[in-house]
Amino acid sequence: MNNLKLDATAVYYCAASRSFWAVRPSPPVNSFHSWGQG
């Protein structure tokens, strides 16, 4: 993440899925096998 802006303030999570999802529209959360703790 470069040139971070104030609105980037957040908790970031990674999640694994068998399928590749575009980030918009928001992918269905039940498609993800595992989630990080944030």
PDB file of all heavy atoms in Angstrom:
ATOM      1  N   MET A   1       0.854  -1.192   0.000  1.00  0.00           N
ATOM      2  CA  MET A   1       0.000   0.000   0.000  1.00  0.00           C
ATOM      3  C   MET A   1       0.887   1.238   0.000  1.00  0.00           C
ATOM      4  O   MET A   1       1.647   1.461   0.954  1.00  0.00           O
ATOM      5  CB  MET A   1      -0.912  -0.009   1.228  1.00  0.00           C
ATOM      6  CG  MET A   1      -1.744  -1.274   1.349  1.00  0.00           C
ATOM      7  SD  MET A   1      -2.945  -1.218   2.709  1.00  0.00           S
ATOM      8  CE  MET A   1      -1.850  -1.179   4.125  1.00  0.00           C
ATOM      9  N   ASN A   2       0.803   2.005  -1.055  1.00  0.00           N
ATOM     10  CA  ASN A   2       1.603   3.220  -1.205  1.00  0.00           C
ATOM     11  C   ASN A   2       0.708   4.451  -1.200  1.00  0.00           C
ATOM     12  O   ASN A   2      -0.484   4.368  -1.495  1.00  0.00           O
ATOM     13  CB  ASN A   2       2.406   3.187  -2.503  1.00  0.00           C
ATOM     14  CG  ASN A   2       3.404   2.055  -2.541  1.00  0.00           C
ATOM     15  OD1 ASN A   2       3.948   1.644  -1.513  1.00  0.00           O
ATOM     16  ND2 ASN A   2       3.656   1.532  -3.732  1.00  0.00           N
ATOM     17  N   ASN A   3       1.318   5.584  -0.882  1.00  0.00           N
ATOM     18  CA  ASN A   3       0.598   6.858  -0.876  1.00  0.00           C
ATOM     19  C   ASN A   3      -0.732   6.720  -0.121  1.00  0.00           C
ATOM     20  O   ASN A   3      -1.805   7.052  -0.637  1.00  0.00           O
ATOM     21  CB  ASN A   3       0.349   7.331  -2.309  1.00  0.00           C
ATOM     22  CG  ASN A   3      -0.161   8.753  -2.368  1.00  0.00           C
ATOM     23  OD1 ASN A   3      -0.037   9.516  -1.410  1.00  0.00           O
ATOM     24  ND2 ASN A   3      -0.778   9.107  -3.481  1.00  0.00           N
ATOM     25  N   LEU A   4      -0.614   6.237   1.095  1.00  0.00           N
ATOM     26  CA  LEU A   4      -1.819   5.994   1.888  1.00  0.00           C
ATOM     27  C   LEU A   4      -2.520   7.296   2.239  1.00  0.00           C
ATOM     28  O   LEU A   4      -1.880   8.304   2.560  1.00  0.00           O
ATOM     29  CB  LEU A   4      -1.459   5.228   3.165  1.00  0.00           C
ATOM     30  CG  LEU A   4      -1.220   3.735   2.936  1.00  0.00           C
ATOM     31  CD1 LEU A   4      -0.416   3.132   4.082  1.00  0.00           C
ATOM     32  CD2 LEU A   4      -2.541   3.005   2.784  1.00  0.00           C
ATOM     33  N   LYS A   5      -3.828   7.229   2.193  1.00  0.00           N
ATOM     34  CA  LYS A   5      -4.652   8.395   2.515  1.00  0.00           C
ATOM     35  C   LYS A   5      -5.346   8.162   3.849  1.00  0.00           C
ATOM     36  O   LYS A   5      -5.435   7.037   4.336  1.00  0.00           O
ATOM     37  CB  LYS A   5      -5.677   8.613   1.403  1.00  0.00           C
ATOM     38  CG  LYS A   5      -5.035   8.814   0.023  1.00  0.00           C
ATOM     39  CD  LYS A   5      -6.077   9.069  -1.028  1.00  0.00           C
ATOM     40  CE  LYS A   5      -5.458   9.157  -2.414  1.00  0.00           C
ATOM     41  NZ  LYS A   5      -4.471  10.234  -2.512  1.00  0.00           N
ATOM     42  N   LEU A   6      -5.851   9.239   4.420  1.00  0.00           N
ATOM     43  CA  LEU A   6      -6.512   9.131   5.717  1.00  0.00           C
ATOM     44  C   LEU A   6      -7.664   8.131   5.684  1.00  0.00           C
ATOM     45  O   LEU A   6      -7.907   7.417   6.665  1.00  0.00           O
ATOM     46  CB  LEU A   6      -7.012  10.503   6.164  1.00  0.00           C
ATOM     47  CG  LEU A   6      -5.938  11.526   6.536  1.00  0.00           C
ATOM     48  CD1 LEU A   6      -6.577  12.893   6.766  1.00  0.00           C
ATOM     49  CD2 LEU A   6      -5.177  11.091   7.785  1.00  0.00           C
ATOM     50  N   ASP A   7      -8.370   8.073   4.558  1.00  0.00           N
ATOM     51  CA  ASP A   7      -9.540   7.187   4.501  1.00  0.00           C
ATOM     52  C   ASP A   7      -9.150   5.715   4.348  1.00  0.00           C
ATOM     53  O   ASP A   7     -10.033   4.860   4.259  1.00  0.00           O
ATOM     54  CB  ASP A   7     -10.501   7.598   3.388  1.00  0.00           C
ATOM     55  CG  ASP A   7      -9.898   7.520   2.002  1.00  0.00           C
ATOM     56  OD1 ASP A   7      -8.739   7.073   1.868  1.00  0.00           O
ATOM     57  OD2 ASP A   7     -10.584   7.904   1.043  1.00  0.00           O
ATOM     58  N   ALA A   8      -7.869   5.424   4.331  1.00  0.00           N
ATOM     59  CA  ALA A   8      -7.416   4.030   4.326  1.00  0.00           C
ATOM     60  C   ALA A   8      -7.379   3.449   5.736  1.00  0.00           C
ATOM     61  O   ALA A   8      -7.147   2.241   5.896  1.00  0.00           O
ATOM     62  CB  ALA A   8      -6.039   3.910   3.693  1.00  0.00           C
ATOM     63  N   THR A   9      -7.600   4.282   6.733  1.00  0.00           N
ATOM     64  CA  THR A   9      -7.631   3.796   8.111  1.00  0.00           C
ATOM     65  C   THR A   9      -8.714   2.739   8.268  1.00  0.00           C
ATOM     66  O   THR A   9      -9.887   2.999   7.994  1.00  0.00           O
ATOM     67  CB  THR A   9      -7.906   4.951   9.087  1.00  0.00           C
ATOM     68  OG1 THR A   9      -6.794   5.840   9.055  1.00  0.00           O
ATOM     69  CG2 THR A   9      -8.116   4.440  10.499  1.00  0.00           C
ATOM     70  N   ALA A  10      -8.311   1.534   8.685  1.00  0.00           N
ATOM     71  CA  ALA A  10      -9.264   0.427   8.772  1.00  0.00           C
ATOM     72  C   ALA A  10      -8.562  -0.773   9.388  1.00  0.00           C
ATOM     73  O   ALA A  10      -7.338  -0.784   9.564  1.00  0.00           O
ATOM     74  CB  ALA A  10      -9.787   0.059   7.384  1.00  0.00           C
ATOM     75  N   VAL A  11      -9.362  -1.775   9.676  1.00  0.00           N
ATOM     76  CA  VAL A  11      -8.825  -3.103   9.969  1.00  0.00           C
ATOM     77  C   VAL A  11      -8.837  -3.869   8.653  1.00  0.00           C
ATOM     78  O   VAL A  11      -9.857  -3.927   7.967  1.00  0.00           O
ATOM     79  CB  VAL A  11      -9.668  -3.837  11.024  1.00  0.00           C
ATOM     80  CG1 VAL A  11      -9.113  -5.241  11.252  1.00  0.00           C
ATOM     81  CG2 VAL A  11      -9.687  -3.051  12.323  1.00  0.00           C
ATOM     82  N   TYR A  12      -7.697  -4.431   8.295  1.00  0.00           N
ATOM     83  CA  TYR A  12      -7.546  -5.146   7.037  1.00  0.00           C
ATOM     84  C   TYR A  12      -7.553  -6.647   7.296  1.00  0.00           C
ATOM     85  O   TYR A  12      -6.910  -7.136   8.234  1.00  0.00           O
ATOM     86  CB  TYR A  12      -6.261  -4.730   6.337  1.00  0.00           C
ATOM     87  CG  TYR A  12      -6.355  -3.359   5.708  1.00  0.00           C
ATOM     88  CD1 TYR A  12      -6.348  -2.206   6.494  1.00  0.00           C
ATOM     89  CD2 TYR A  12      -6.467  -3.208   4.331  1.00  0.00           C
ATOM     90  CE1 TYR A  12      -6.468  -0.946   5.932  1.00  0.00           C
ATOM     91  CE2 TYR A  12      -6.570  -1.944   3.758  1.00  0.00           C
ATOM     92  CZ  TYR A  12      -6.574  -0.829   4.558  1.00  0.00           C
ATOM     93  OH  TYR A  12      -6.685   0.424   3.980  1.00  0.00           O
ATOM     94  N   TYR A  13      -8.263  -7.362   6.446  1.00  0.00           N
ATOM     95  CA  TYR A  13      -8.392  -8.813   6.556  1.00  0.00           C
ATOM     96  C   TYR A  13      -8.020  -9.464   5.227  1.00  0.00           C
ATOM     97  O   TYR A  13      -8.347  -8.934   4.170  1.00  0.00           O
ATOM     98  CB  TYR A  13      -9.840  -9.218   6.849  1.00  0.00           C
ATOM     99  CG  TYR A  13     -10.455  -8.611   8.067  1.00  0.00           C
ATOM    100  CD1 TYR A  13     -11.053  -7.350   8.029  1.00  0.00           C
ATOM    101  CD2 TYR A  13     -10.487  -9.309   9.279  1.00  0.00           C
ATOM    102  CE1 TYR A  13     -11.640  -6.787   9.144  1.00  0.00           C
ATOM    103  CE2 TYR A  13     -11.075  -8.758  10.403  1.00  0.00           C
ATOM    104  CZ  TYR A  13     -11.642  -7.512  10.328  1.00  0.00           C
ATOM    105  OH  TYR A  13     -12.226  -6.962  11.444  1.00  0.00           O
ATOM    106  N   CYS A  14      -7.383 -10.622   5.286  1.00  0.00           N
ATOM    107  CA  CYS A  14      -7.237 -11.428   4.092  1.00  0.00           C
ATOM    108  C   CYS A  14      -8.140 -12.652   4.230  1.00  0.00           C
ATOM    109  O   CYS A  14      -8.420 -13.118   5.342  1.00  0.00           O
ATOM    110  CB  CYS A  14      -5.790 -11.845   3.863  1.00  0.00           C
ATOM    111  SG  CYS A  14      -5.030 -12.855   5.152  1.00  0.00           S
ATOM    112  N   ALA A  15      -8.598 -13.143   3.098  1.00  0.00           N
ATOM    113  CA  ALA A  15      -9.499 -14.288   3.081  1.00  0.00           C
ATOM    114  C   ALA A  15      -9.190 -15.138   1.858  1.00  0.00           C
ATOM    115  O   ALA A  15      -8.876 -14.603   0.793  1.00  0.00           O
ATOM    116  CB  ALA A  15     -10.952 -13.830   3.070  1.00  0.00           C
ATOM    117  N   ALA A  16      -9.294 -16.448   2.025  1.00  0.00           N
ATOM    118  CA  ALA A  16      -8.973 -17.390   0.960  1.00  0.00           C
ATOM    119  C   ALA A  16     -10.240 -18.025   0.404  1.00  0.00           C
ATOM    120  O   ALA A  16     -11.159 -18.355   1.161  1.00  0.00           O
ATOM    121  CB  ALA A  16      -8.046 -18.484   1.494  1.00  0.00           C
ATOM    122  N   SER A  17     -10.270 -18.194  -0.903  1.00  0.00           N
ATOM    123  CA  SER A  17     -11.425 -18.829  -1.544  1.00  0.00           C
ATOM    124  C   SER A  17     -10.953 -19.675  -2.714  1.00  0.00           C
ATOM    125  O   SER A  17      -9.922 -19.389  -3.321  1.00  0.00           O
ATOM    126  CB  SER A  17     -12.414 -17.765  -2.043  1.00  0.00           C
ATOM    127  OG  SER A  17     -11.786 -16.885  -2.961  1.00  0.00           O
ATOM    128  N   ARG A  18     -11.715 -20.685  -3.043  1.00  0.00           N
ATOM    129  CA  ARG A  18     -11.390 -21.517  -4.201  1.00  0.00           C
ATOM    130  C   ARG A  18     -11.568 -20.743  -5.500  1.00  0.00           C
ATOM    131  O   ARG A  18     -10.822 -20.915  -6.455  1.00  0.00           O
ATOM    132  CB  ARG A  18     -12.281 -22.749  -4.219  1.00  0.00           C
ATOM    133  CG  ARG A  18     -11.860 -23.817  -3.218  1.00  0.00           C
ATOM    134  CD  ARG A  18     -10.603 -24.531  -3.663  1.00  0.00           C
ATOM    135  NE  ARG A  18     -10.344 -25.721  -2.870  1.00  0.00           N
ATOM    136  CZ  ARG A  18      -9.339 -26.556  -3.109  1.00  0.00           C
ATOM    137  NH1 ARG A  18      -8.503 -26.327  -4.100  1.00  0.00           N
ATOM    138  NH2 ARG A  18      -9.170 -27.618  -2.349  1.00  0.00           N
ATOM    139  N   SER A  19     -12.557 -19.877  -5.538  1.00  0.00           N
ATOM    140  CA  SER A  19     -12.828 -19.082  -6.734  1.00  0.00           C
ATOM    141  C   SER A  19     -12.195 -17.708  -6.607  1.00  0.00           C
ATOM    142  O   SER A  19     -12.025 -17.177  -5.506  1.00  0.00           O
ATOM    143  CB  SER A  19     -14.337 -18.932  -6.931  1.00  0.00           C
ATOM    144  OG  SER A  19     -14.957 -20.188  -7.105  1.00  0.00           O
ATOM    145  N   PHE A  20     -11.860 -17.133  -7.744  1.00  0.00           N
ATOM    146  CA  PHE A  20     -11.328 -15.775  -7.798  1.00  0.00           C
ATOM    147  C   PHE A  20     -12.512 -14.816  -7.910  1.00  0.00           C
ATOM    148  O   PHE A  20     -13.351 -14.956  -8.800  1.00  0.00           O
ATOM    149  CB  PHE A  20     -10.405 -15.622  -9.002  1.00  0.00           C
ATOM    150  CG  PHE A  20      -9.963 -14.215  -9.267  1.00  0.00           C
ATOM    151  CD1 PHE A  20      -9.255 -13.516  -8.311  1.00  0.00           C
ATOM    152  CD2 PHE A  20     -10.239 -13.596 -10.480  1.00  0.00           C
ATOM    153  CE1 PHE A  20      -8.823 -12.218  -8.545  1.00  0.00           C
ATOM    154  CE2 PHE A  20      -9.823 -12.300 -10.730  1.00  0.00           C
ATOM    155  CZ  PHE A  20      -9.112 -11.613  -9.769  1.00  0.00           C
ATOM    156  N   TRP A  21     -12.547 -13.857  -6.984  1.00  0.00           N
ATOM    157  CA  TRP A  21     -13.641 -12.903  -6.957  1.00  0.00           C
ATOM    158  C   TRP A  21     -13.118 -11.501  -7.225  1.00  0.00           C
ATOM    159  O   TRP A  21     -12.089 -11.102  -6.667  1.00  0.00           O
ATOM    160  CB  TRP A  21     -14.316 -12.914  -5.580  1.00  0.00           C
ATOM    161  CG  TRP A  21     -15.053 -14.168  -5.287  1.00  0.00           C
ATOM    162  CD1 TRP A  21     -14.593 -15.262  -4.613  1.00  0.00           C
ATOM    163  CD2 TRP A  21     -16.402 -14.472  -5.657  1.00  0.00           C
ATOM    164  NE1 TRP A  21     -15.568 -16.208  -4.534  1.00  0.00           N
ATOM    165  CE2 TRP A  21     -16.696 -15.755  -5.169  1.00  0.00           C
ATOM    166  CE3 TRP A  21     -17.393 -13.770  -6.353  1.00  0.00           C
ATOM    167  CZ2 TRP A  21     -17.932 -16.372  -5.357  1.00  0.00           C
ATOM    168  CZ3 TRP A  21     -18.626 -14.380  -6.537  1.00  0.00           C
ATOM    169  CH2 TRP A  21     -18.887 -15.659  -6.047  1.00  0.00           C
ATOM    170  N   ALA A  22     -13.839 -10.760  -8.038  1.00  0.00           N
ATOM    171  CA  ALA A  22     -13.598  -9.324  -8.116  1.00  0.00           C
ATOM    172  C   ALA A  22     -14.051  -8.703  -6.797  1.00  0.00           C
ATOM    173  O   ALA A  22     -14.891  -9.269  -6.086  1.00  0.00           O
ATOM    174  CB  ALA A  22     -14.377  -8.722  -9.286  1.00  0.00           C
ATOM    175  N   VAL A  23     -13.483  -7.546  -6.466  1.00  0.00           N
ATOM    176  CA  VAL A  23     -13.828  -6.963  -5.170  1.00  0.00           C
ATOM    177  C   VAL A  23     -15.106  -6.130  -5.219  1.00  0.00           C
ATOM    178  O   VAL A  23     -15.662  -5.770  -4.189  1.00  0.00           O
ATOM    179  CB  VAL A  23     -12.675  -6.101  -4.620  1.00  0.00           C
ATOM    180  CG1 VAL A  23     -11.475  -6.990  -4.327  1.00  0.00           C
ATOM    181  CG2 VAL A  23     -12.311  -4.973  -5.566  1.00  0.00           C
ATOM    182  N   ARG A  24     -15.560  -5.792  -6.435  1.00  0.00           N
ATOM    183  CA  ARG A  24     -16.851  -5.118  -6.570  1.00  0.00           C
ATOM    184  C   ARG A  24     -17.617  -5.766  -7.714  1.00  0.00           C
ATOM    185  O   ARG A  24     -17.052  -5.954  -8.785  1.00  0.00           O
ATOM    186  CB  ARG A  24     -16.677  -3.633  -6.818  1.00  0.00           C
ATOM    187  CG  ARG A  24     -16.036  -2.906  -5.652  1.00  0.00           C
ATOM    188  CD  ARG A  24     -16.237  -1.414  -5.756  1.00  0.00           C
ATOM    189  NE  ARG A  24     -17.614  -1.049  -5.478  1.00  0.00           N
ATOM    190  CZ  ARG A  24     -18.040   0.208  -5.471  1.00  0.00           C
ATOM    191  NH1 ARG A  24     -17.206   1.194  -5.754  1.00  0.00           N
ATOM    192  NH2 ARG A  24     -19.290   0.494  -5.208  1.00  0.00           N
ATOM    193  N   PRO A  25     -18.865  -6.110  -7.539  1.00  0.00           N
ATOM    194  CA  PRO A  25     -19.608  -5.974  -6.282  1.00  0.00           C
ATOM    195  C   PRO A  25     -19.002  -6.850  -5.189  1.00  0.00           C
ATOM    196  O   PRO A  25     -18.243  -7.776  -5.465  1.00  0.00           O
ATOM    197  CB  PRO A  25     -21.016  -6.433  -6.649  1.00  0.00           C
ATOM    198  CG  PRO A  25     -20.815  -7.326  -7.820  1.00  0.00           C
ATOM    199  CD  PRO A  25     -19.654  -6.769  -8.587  1.00  0.00           C
ATOM    200  N   SER A  26     -19.331  -6.533  -3.958  1.00  0.00           N
ATOM    201  CA  SER A  26     -18.731  -7.221  -2.834  1.00  0.00           C
ATOM    202  C   SER A  26     -18.987  -8.720  -2.922  1.00  0.00           C
ATOM    203  O   SER A  26     -20.136  -9.141  -3.074  1.00  0.00           O
ATOM    204  CB  SER A  26     -19.319  -6.675  -1.526  1.00  0.00           C
ATOM    205  OG  SER A  26     -18.631  -7.212  -0.421  1.00  0.00           O
ATOM    206  N   PRO A  27     -17.943  -9.536  -2.874  1.00  0.00           N
ATOM    207  CA  PRO A  27     -18.137 -10.987  -3.006  1.00  0.00           C
ATOM    208  C   PRO A  27     -18.861 -11.562  -1.800  1.00  0.00           C
ATOM    209  O   PRO A  27     -18.774 -11.025  -0.697  1.00  0.00           O
ATOM    210  CB  PRO A  27     -16.698 -11.521  -3.094  1.00  0.00           C
ATOM    211  CG  PRO A  27     -15.844 -10.473  -2.492  1.00  0.00           C
ATOM    212  CD  PRO A  27     -16.516  -9.172  -2.734  1.00  0.00           C
ATOM    213  N   PRO A  28     -19.579 -12.663  -2.014  1.00  0.00           N
ATOM    214  CA  PRO A  28     -20.318 -13.282  -0.898  1.00  0.00           C
ATOM    215  C   PRO A  28     -19.358 -13.843   0.144  1.00  0.00           C
ATOM    216  O   PRO A  28     -18.459 -14.620  -0.181  1.00  0.00           O
ATOM    217  CB  PRO A  28     -21.121 -14.391  -1.586  1.00  0.00           C
ATOM    218  CG  PRO A  28     -20.410 -14.654  -2.870  1.00  0.00           C
ATOM    219  CD  PRO A  28     -19.777 -13.378  -3.281  1.00  0.00           C
ATOM    220  N   VAL A  29     -19.554 -13.469   1.375  1.00  0.00           N
ATOM    221  CA  VAL A  29     -18.598 -13.855   2.421  1.00  0.00           C
ATOM    222  C   VAL A  29     -18.576 -15.355   2.666  1.00  0.00           C
ATOM    223  O   VAL A  29     -17.572 -15.904   3.109  1.00  0.00           O
ATOM    224  CB  VAL A  29     -18.881 -13.107   3.737  1.00  0.00           C
ATOM    225  CG1 VAL A  29     -18.630 -11.614   3.563  1.00  0.00           C
ATOM    226  CG2 VAL A  29     -20.293 -13.362   4.228  1.00  0.00           C
ATOM    227  N   ASN A  30     -19.691 -16.054   2.353  1.00  0.00           N
ATOM    228  CA  ASN A  30     -19.698 -17.490   2.593  1.00  0.00           C
ATOM    229  C   ASN A  30     -18.906 -18.256   1.535  1.00  0.00           C
ATOM    230  O   ASN A  30     -18.842 -19.478   1.562  1.00  0.00           O
ATOM    231  CB  ASN A  30     -21.133 -18.025   2.693  1.00  0.00           C
ATOM    232  CG  ASN A  30     -21.932 -17.750   1.445  1.00  0.00           C
ATOM    233  OD1 ASN A  30     -21.429 -17.214   0.465  1.00  0.00           O
ATOM    234  ND2 ASN A  30     -23.213 -18.108   1.475  1.00  0.00           N
ATOM    235  N   SER A  31     -18.322 -17.539   0.577  1.00  0.00           N
ATOM    236  CA  SER A  31     -17.477 -18.175  -0.426  1.00  0.00           C
ATOM    237  C   SER A  31     -16.041 -18.346   0.043  1.00  0.00           C
ATOM    238  O   SER A  31     -15.235 -18.973  -0.651  1.00  0.00           O
ATOM    239  CB  SER A  31     -17.463 -17.339  -1.716  1.00  0.00           C
ATOM    240  OG  SER A  31     -18.751 -17.269  -2.271  1.00  0.00           O
ATOM    241  N   PHE A  32     -15.739 -17.804   1.196  1.00  0.00           N
ATOM    242  CA  PHE A  32     -14.358 -17.791   1.663  1.00  0.00           C
ATOM    243  C   PHE A  32     -14.099 -18.902   2.670  1.00  0.00           C
ATOM    244  O   PHE A  32     -14.826 -19.080   3.629  1.00  0.00           O
ATOM    245  CB  PHE A  32     -13.994 -16.408   2.227  1.00  0.00           C
ATOM    246  CG  PHE A  32     -13.980 -15.371   1.148  1.00  0.00           C
ATOM    247  CD1 PHE A  32     -15.121 -14.672   0.822  1.00  0.00           C
ATOM    248  CD2 PHE A  32     -12.825 -15.147   0.417  1.00  0.00           C
ATOM    249  CE1 PHE A  32     -15.117 -13.745  -0.205  1.00  0.00           C
ATOM    250  CE2 PHE A  32     -12.808 -14.219  -0.610  1.00  0.00           C
ATOM    251  CZ  PHE A  32     -13.963 -13.517  -0.920  1.00  0.00           C
ATOM    252  N   HIS A  33     -13.043 -19.592   2.411  1.00  0.00           N
ATOM    253  CA  HIS A  33     -12.668 -20.780   3.161  1.00  0.00           C
ATOM    254  C   HIS A  33     -12.097 -20.425   4.523  1.00  0.00           C
ATOM    255  O   HIS A  33     -12.390 -21.068   5.525  1.00  0.00           O
ATOM    256  CB  HIS A  33     -11.644 -21.535   2.309  1.00  0.00           C
ATOM    257  CG  HIS A  33     -10.923 -22.627   3.000  1.00  0.00           C
ATOM    258  ND1 HIS A  33      -9.779 -22.411   3.732  1.00  0.00           N
ATOM    259  CD2 HIS A  33     -11.169 -23.951   3.054  1.00  0.00           C
ATOM    260  CE1 HIS A  33      -9.369 -23.575   4.205  1.00  0.00           C
ATOM    261  NE2 HIS A  33     -10.185 -24.509   3.823  1.00  0.00           N
ATOM    262  N   SER A  34     -11.240 -19.413   4.564  1.00  0.00           N
ATOM    263  CA  SER A  34     -10.577 -19.005   5.796  1.00  0.00           C
ATOM    264  C   SER A  34     -10.422 -17.498   5.813  1.00  0.00           C
ATOM    265  O   SER A  34     -10.254 -16.878   4.760  1.00  0.00           O
ATOM    266  CB  SER A  34      -9.186 -19.638   5.902  1.00  0.00           C
ATOM    267  OG  SER A  34      -9.267 -21.040   5.984  1.00  0.00           O
ATOM    268  N   TRP A  35     -10.414 -16.949   7.018  1.00  0.00           N
ATOM    269  CA  TRP A  35     -10.232 -15.515   7.221  1.00  0.00           C
ATOM    270  C   TRP A  35      -9.104 -15.290   8.212  1.00  0.00           C
ATOM    271  O   TRP A  35      -8.946 -16.048   9.179  1.00  0.00           O
ATOM    272  CB  TRP A  35     -11.500 -14.886   7.790  1.00  0.00           C
ATOM    273  CG  TRP A  35     -12.647 -14.808   6.843  1.00  0.00           C
ATOM    274  CD1 TRP A  35     -13.506 -15.818   6.515  1.00  0.00           C
ATOM    275  CD2 TRP A  35     -13.070 -13.675   6.107  1.00  0.00           C
ATOM    276  NE1 TRP A  35     -14.440 -15.368   5.613  1.00  0.00           N
ATOM    277  CE2 TRP A  35     -14.199 -14.045   5.352  1.00  0.00           C
ATOM    278  CE3 TRP A  35     -12.614 -12.352   6.017  1.00  0.00           C
ATOM    279  CZ2 TRP A  35     -14.868 -13.167   4.509  1.00  0.00           C
ATOM    280  CZ3 TRP A  35     -13.287 -11.477   5.177  1.00  0.00           C
ATOM    281  CH2 TRP A  35     -14.400 -11.882   4.433  1.00  0.00           C
ATOM    282  N   GLY A  36      -8.345 -14.224   7.984  1.00  0.00           N
ATOM    283  CA  GLY A  36      -7.382 -13.803   8.987  1.00  0.00           C
ATOM    284  C   GLY A  36      -8.087 -13.085  10.124  1.00  0.00           C
ATOM    285  O   GLY A  36      -9.281 -12.760  10.036  1.00  0.00           O
ATOM    286  N   GLN A  37      -7.347 -12.813  11.163  1.00  0.00           N
ATOM    287  CA  GLN A  37      -7.927 -12.184  12.346  1.00  0.00           C
ATOM    288  C   GLN A  37      -8.061 -10.678  12.186  1.00  0.00           C
ATOM    289  O   GLN A  37      -8.748 -10.022  12.976  1.00  0.00           O
ATOM    290  CB  GLN A  37      -7.049 -12.486  13.580  1.00  0.00           C
ATOM    291  CG  GLN A  37      -5.800 -11.626  13.735  1.00  0.00           C
ATOM    292  CD  GLN A  37      -4.688 -11.970  12.760  1.00  0.00           C
ATOM    293  OE1 GLN A  37      -4.788 -12.932  11.983  1.00  0.00           O
ATOM    294  NE2 GLN A  37      -3.614 -11.204  12.815  1.00  0.00           N
ATOM    295  N   GLY A  38      -7.421 -10.128  11.183  1.00  0.00           N
ATOM    296  CA  GLY A  38      -7.485  -8.690  10.941  1.00  0.00           C
ATOM    297  C   GLY A  38      -6.291  -7.980  11.545  1.00  0.00           C
ATOM    298  O   GLY A  38      -5.732  -8.416  12.556  1.00  0.00           O
TER     299      GLY A  38
END
